[in-house]
């Protein structure tokens, strides 16, 4: 059976096992946090791209409105001239 000498190393074994377990959990946790960070980065760049696209659409709409007003002005000028 186990001798007194084995008991002497038991606390060290427990501490080491606990430490390795904690180390493993920390590694898994860090990995998951890395994944979450990557997802947030992707989401942020997606939102940035979407924001840029929204700005482009707004600019296009404003230019179209300006063009429509210029056409209306031209037509109004022609009508007044005739």
Protein backbone atom coordinates (compact mmCIF):
# COMPACT_ATOMS: atom_id res chain seq x y z
CA UNK A 1 0.00 0.00 0.00
CA UNK A 2 0.91 3.66 -0.01
CA UNK A 3 3.78 4.52 2.29
CA UNK A 4 4.21 7.70 4.32
CA UNK A 5 6.58 8.94 1.63
CA UNK A 6 3.75 8.99 -0.95
CA UNK A 7 1.64 11.11 1.39
CA UNK A 8 4.52 13.57 1.63
CA UNK A 9 4.29 14.31 -2.13
CA UNK A 10 0.48 14.34 -2.25
CA UNK A 11 0.04 18.10 -1.55
CA UNK A 12 2.63 18.96 -4.22
CA UNK A 13 0.90 16.64 -6.68
CA UNK A 14 -2.49 18.23 -5.89
CA UNK A 15 -1.06 21.72 -6.28
CA UNK A 16 0.62 20.84 -9.56
CA UNK A 17 -2.52 19.17 -10.92
CA UNK A 18 -4.58 22.18 -9.85
CA UNK A 19 -2.04 24.55 -11.44
CA UNK A 20 -2.02 22.61 -14.72
CA UNK A 21 -5.83 22.52 -14.71
CA UNK A 22 -5.96 26.27 -14.15
CA UNK A 23 -3.33 26.76 -16.86
CA UNK A 24 -5.44 24.67 -19.25
CA UNK A 25 -8.58 26.62 -18.42
CA UNK A 26 -6.75 29.92 -18.88
CA UNK A 27 -5.51 28.73 -22.29
CA UNK A 28 -9.03 27.74 -23.35
CA UNK A 29 -10.41 31.03 -22.03
CA UNK A 30 -7.74 33.04 -23.87
CA UNK A 31 -8.53 31.14 -27.05
CA UNK A 32 -12.23 31.91 -26.70
CA UNK A 33 -11.48 35.57 -25.99
CA UNK A 34 -9.32 35.69 -29.13
CA UNK A 35 -12.23 34.27 -31.14
CA UNK A 36 -14.62 36.84 -29.63
CA UNK A 37 -12.12 39.63 -30.41
CA UNK A 38 -11.86 38.44 -34.02
CA UNK A 39 -15.65 38.39 -34.30
CA UNK A 40 -15.87 41.92 -32.88
CA UNK A 41 -13.18 43.09 -35.32
CA UNK A 42 -15.11 41.53 -38.21
CA UNK A 43 -18.32 43.14 -37.00
CA UNK A 44 -16.62 46.52 -36.60
CA UNK A 45 -15.15 46.43 -40.11
CA UNK A 46 -18.52 45.27 -41.47
CA UNK A 47 -20.23 48.19 -39.74
CA UNK A 48 -17.53 50.55 -41.03
CA UNK A 49 -18.08 49.25 -44.57
CA UNK A 50 -21.84 49.59 -44.15
CA UNK A 51 -21.38 53.14 -42.85
CA UNK A 52 -19.19 53.98 -45.86
CA UNK A 53 -21.83 52.48 -48.17
CA UNK A 54 -24.54 54.55 -46.47
CA UNK A 55 -22.47 57.70 -47.02
CA UNK A 56 -22.00 56.81 -50.70
CA UNK A 57 -25.76 56.33 -51.10
CA UNK A 58 -26.43 59.68 -49.40
CA UNK A 59 -23.95 61.45 -51.71
CA UNK A 60 -25.51 59.82 -54.79
CA UNK A 61 -29.02 60.84 -53.66
CA UNK A 62 -27.88 64.43 -53.02
CA UNK A 63 -26.26 64.62 -56.47
CA UNK A 64 -29.44 63.22 -58.05
CA UNK A 65 -31.55 65.82 -56.23
CA UNK A 66 -29.20 68.56 -57.44
CA UNK A 67 -29.42 67.23 -61.02
CA UNK A 68 -33.23 67.11 -60.83
CA UNK A 69 -33.32 70.73 -59.59
CA UNK A 70 -31.01 71.82 -62.42
CA UNK A 71 -33.22 70.06 -64.98
CA UNK A 72 -36.32 71.70 -63.45
CA UNK A 73 -34.56 75.10 -63.60
CA UNK A 74 -33.67 74.51 -67.26
CA UNK A 75 -37.23 73.50 -68.09
CA UNK A 76 -38.64 76.48 -66.19
CA UNK A 77 -36.25 78.81 -68.06
CA UNK A 78 -37.34 77.36 -71.42
CA UNK A 79 -41.01 77.71 -70.51
CA UNK A 80 -40.49 81.33 -69.43
CA UNK A 81 -38.47 82.06 -72.59
CA UNK A 82 -41.12 80.74 -74.96
